[in-house]
C-alpha atoms as a PDB file:
ATOM      1  CA  MET A   1     -53.149  15.918 -66.118  1.00  0.00           C
ATOM      2  CA  LYS A   2     -54.365  16.081 -69.569  1.00  0.00           C
ATOM      3  CA  LYS A   3     -51.575  18.407 -70.707  1.00  0.00           C
ATOM      4  CA  ASN A   4     -48.921  15.792 -69.580  1.00  0.00           C
ATOM      5  CA  ASN A   5     -51.053  12.743 -70.665  1.00  0.00           C
ATOM      6  CA  LEU A   6     -51.014  11.224 -67.258  1.00  0.00           C
ATOM      7  CA  LYS A   7     -53.810   8.475 -66.737  1.00  0.00           C
ATOM      8  CA  ASP A   8     -54.697   8.480 -63.010  1.00  0.00           C
ATOM      9  CA  GLU A   9     -53.448   9.634 -59.775  1.00  0.00           C
ATOM     10  CA  HIS A  10     -50.522   7.219 -59.829  1.00  0.00           C
ATOM     11  CA  GLU A  11     -48.653   8.444 -62.680  1.00  0.00           C
ATOM     12  CA  LEU A  12     -49.401  12.252 -61.668  1.00  0.00           C
ATOM     13  CA  GLN A  13     -47.555  11.196 -58.242  1.00  0.00           C
ATOM     14  CA  SER A  14     -44.689   9.866 -60.350  1.00  0.00           C
ATOM     15  CA  TYR A  15     -44.407  12.880 -62.578  1.00  0.00           C
ATOM     16  CA  PHE A  16     -44.547  15.107 -59.668  1.00  0.00           C
ATOM     17  CA  ILE A  17     -41.631  12.891 -57.620  1.00  0.00           C
ATOM     18  CA  ARG A  18     -39.668  12.903 -60.952  1.00  0.00           C
ATOM     19  CA  ARG A  19     -40.218  17.022 -61.432  1.00  0.00           C
ATOM     20  CA  ILE A  20     -39.027  17.768 -58.041  1.00  0.00           C
ATOM     21  CA  GLU A  21     -35.909  14.924 -58.135  1.00  0.00           C
ATOM     22  CA  LYS A  22     -34.779  16.746 -61.154  1.00  0.00           C
ATOM     23  CA  PHE A  23     -35.260  20.346 -59.620  1.00  0.00           C
ATOM     24  CA  LEU A  24     -33.383  19.039 -56.533  1.00  0.00           C
ATOM     25  CA  ASN A  25     -30.672  17.474 -58.424  1.00  0.00           C
ATOM     26  CA  SER A  26     -30.003  20.571 -60.094  1.00  0.00           C
ATOM     27  CA  LYS A  27     -29.521  22.275 -57.000  1.00  0.00           C
ATOM     28  CA  GLY A  28     -26.941  19.861 -55.745  1.00  0.00           C
ATOM     29  CA  ARG A  29     -29.519  18.262 -53.642  1.00  0.00           C
ATOM     30  CA  SER A  30     -31.220  14.551 -53.166  1.00  0.00           C
ATOM     31  CA  ILE A  31     -34.364  13.432 -52.845  1.00  0.00           C
ATOM     32  CA  ILE A  32     -35.598  11.420 -49.742  1.00  0.00           C
ATOM     33  CA  GLY A  33     -38.651   9.337 -49.054  1.00  0.00           C
ATOM     34  CA  TRP A  34     -39.672   6.410 -47.806  1.00  0.00           C
ATOM     35  CA  ASP A  35     -42.087   3.934 -50.103  1.00  0.00           C
ATOM     36  CA  GLU A  36     -43.858   6.792 -51.998  1.00  0.00           C
ATOM     37  CA  ILE A  37     -40.340   7.365 -53.690  1.00  0.00           C
ATOM     38  CA  LEU A  38     -40.254   3.723 -55.172  1.00  0.00           C
ATOM     39  CA  GLU A  39     -44.211   3.814 -56.179  1.00  0.00           C
ATOM     40  CA  GLY A  40     -43.562   7.506 -57.560  1.00  0.00           C
ATOM     41  CA  GLY A  41     -40.776   6.077 -59.953  1.00  0.00           C
ATOM     42  CA  SER A  42     -37.976   7.755 -58.165  1.00  0.00           C
ATOM     43  CA  ARG A  43     -34.242   6.579 -59.525  1.00  0.00           C
ATOM     44  CA  GLN A  44     -33.272   7.099 -55.649  1.00  0.00           C
ATOM     45  CA  THR A  45     -33.252   4.421 -52.800  1.00  0.00           C
ATOM     46  CA  PRO A  46     -35.880   5.150 -50.212  1.00  0.00           C
ATOM     47  CA  LEU A  47     -35.082   5.707 -46.681  1.00  0.00           C
ATOM     48  CA  SER A  48     -37.092   2.934 -44.247  1.00  0.00           C
END
């Protein structure tokens, strides 16, 4: 967390979701999820 200047677990979750989203998008895929996606900072609309 120090390496990426992340203050807490919420910022860590946002960082992780954005990284996974970027990877999936590069493979022509989309990330899906629920409320955690919105809390994690994804640009995608969550499924509910």
